[in-house]
Protein backbone atom coordinates (compact mmCIF):
# COMPACT_ATOMS: atom_id res chain seq x y z
CA MET A 1 -5.52 28.06 1.91
CA ALA A 2 -4.18 26.46 -1.27
CA ILE A 3 -5.58 23.17 -2.47
CA THR A 4 -3.34 21.27 -4.88
CA TYR A 5 -4.56 18.35 -6.98
CA GLN A 6 -1.80 15.88 -7.83
CA CYS A 7 -1.82 12.55 -9.68
CA ARG A 8 -1.32 9.72 -7.24
CA TYR A 9 0.55 7.66 -9.83
CA CYS A 10 2.89 10.00 -11.73
CA GLY A 11 2.98 12.99 -9.38
CA THR A 12 1.91 15.52 -12.02
CA GLN A 13 0.23 18.61 -10.61
CA ILE A 14 -3.24 18.65 -12.16
CA GLY A 15 -4.43 21.94 -10.73
CA GLN A 16 -4.42 24.30 -7.78
CA LEU A 17 -7.10 26.38 -6.09
CA GLN A 18 -6.07 29.56 -4.29
CA ASN A 19 -8.81 30.85 -2.04
CA GLU A 20 -9.14 31.54 1.63
CA PHE A 21 -12.07 29.26 2.33
CA TYR A 22 -13.84 26.32 0.69
CA HIS A 23 -16.70 24.14 1.84
CA ALA A 24 -16.28 20.38 1.50
CA GLU A 25 -19.48 20.37 -0.54
CA GLN A 26 -18.03 22.84 -3.05
CA LEU A 27 -15.10 20.49 -3.65
CA GLY A 28 -17.17 17.31 -3.69
CA PHE A 29 -15.41 15.90 -0.61
CA ASN A 30 -18.80 15.17 0.97
CA HIS A 31 -19.30 12.41 -1.63
CA LEU A 32 -16.21 10.52 -0.43
CA THR A 33 -16.25 7.82 2.22
CA VAL A 34 -14.09 8.22 5.31
CA GLU A 35 -11.57 5.76 3.85
CA GLU A 36 -11.47 7.61 0.52
CA ARG A 37 -10.84 10.88 2.36
CA ARG A 38 -7.93 9.30 4.26
CA GLU A 39 -6.38 8.03 1.03
CA MET A 40 -6.95 11.13 -1.08
CA ILE A 41 -6.76 14.22 1.15
CA HIS A 42 -3.56 15.20 2.95
CA TYR A 43 -3.02 18.30 5.11
CA ASN A 44 0.35 20.05 5.40
CA ASP A 45 1.52 21.84 8.55
CA ASN A 46 1.17 25.20 6.79
CA GLY A 47 -2.55 24.65 6.14
CA GLU A 48 -2.27 23.62 2.51
CA VAL A 49 -4.26 20.66 1.26
CA LEU A 50 -2.97 18.04 -1.18
CA VAL A 51 -5.60 15.98 -2.99
CA LYS A 52 -4.37 12.79 -4.64
CA THR A 53 -6.35 12.01 -7.78
CA VAL A 54 -5.64 10.50 -11.22
CA CYS A 55 -4.54 12.49 -14.29
CA GLU A 56 -5.96 11.79 -17.75
CA ASP A 57 -2.82 10.01 -18.98
CA CYS A 58 -2.72 7.63 -16.02
CA GLN A 59 -6.49 7.07 -16.28
CA GLU A 60 -6.04 5.98 -19.89
CA ALA A 61 -3.23 3.61 -18.84
CA LEU A 62 -5.45 2.16 -16.11
CA GLU A 63 -8.26 1.59 -18.58
CA ARG A 64 -5.90 -0.26 -20.94
CA ASN A 65 -4.27 -2.23 -18.08
CA PRO A 66 -6.82 -2.86 -15.29
CA ASP A 67 -4.27 -4.83 -13.24
CA TYR A 68 -2.41 -1.52 -12.65
CA HIS A 69 -5.10 -0.59 -10.11
CA GLN A 70 -3.35 -2.89 -7.66
CA LEU A 71 -0.10 -0.88 -7.83
CA LYS A 72 0.79 2.28 -5.94
CA SER A 73 2.73 3.46 -8.97
CA PHE A 74 3.18 2.10 -12.46
CA ILE A 75 5.17 5.00 -13.93
CA GLN A 76 8.92 4.49 -14.10
């Protein structure tokens, strides 16, 4: 099962894990609320997992412009 981490704002692939089995605790998913899991973790039909997170560049932009947090995307 592949787990791909992708920036929720710019779509950049941040990283990918290729292993057959992971525990939610190993990935830190157990620290997320139910709502955070719904927003961040997406499952494809082929068993792959897509985790929406924030890349360093977008994090820096968010820190400089806090009002961007309200937007789904601020990259154009």
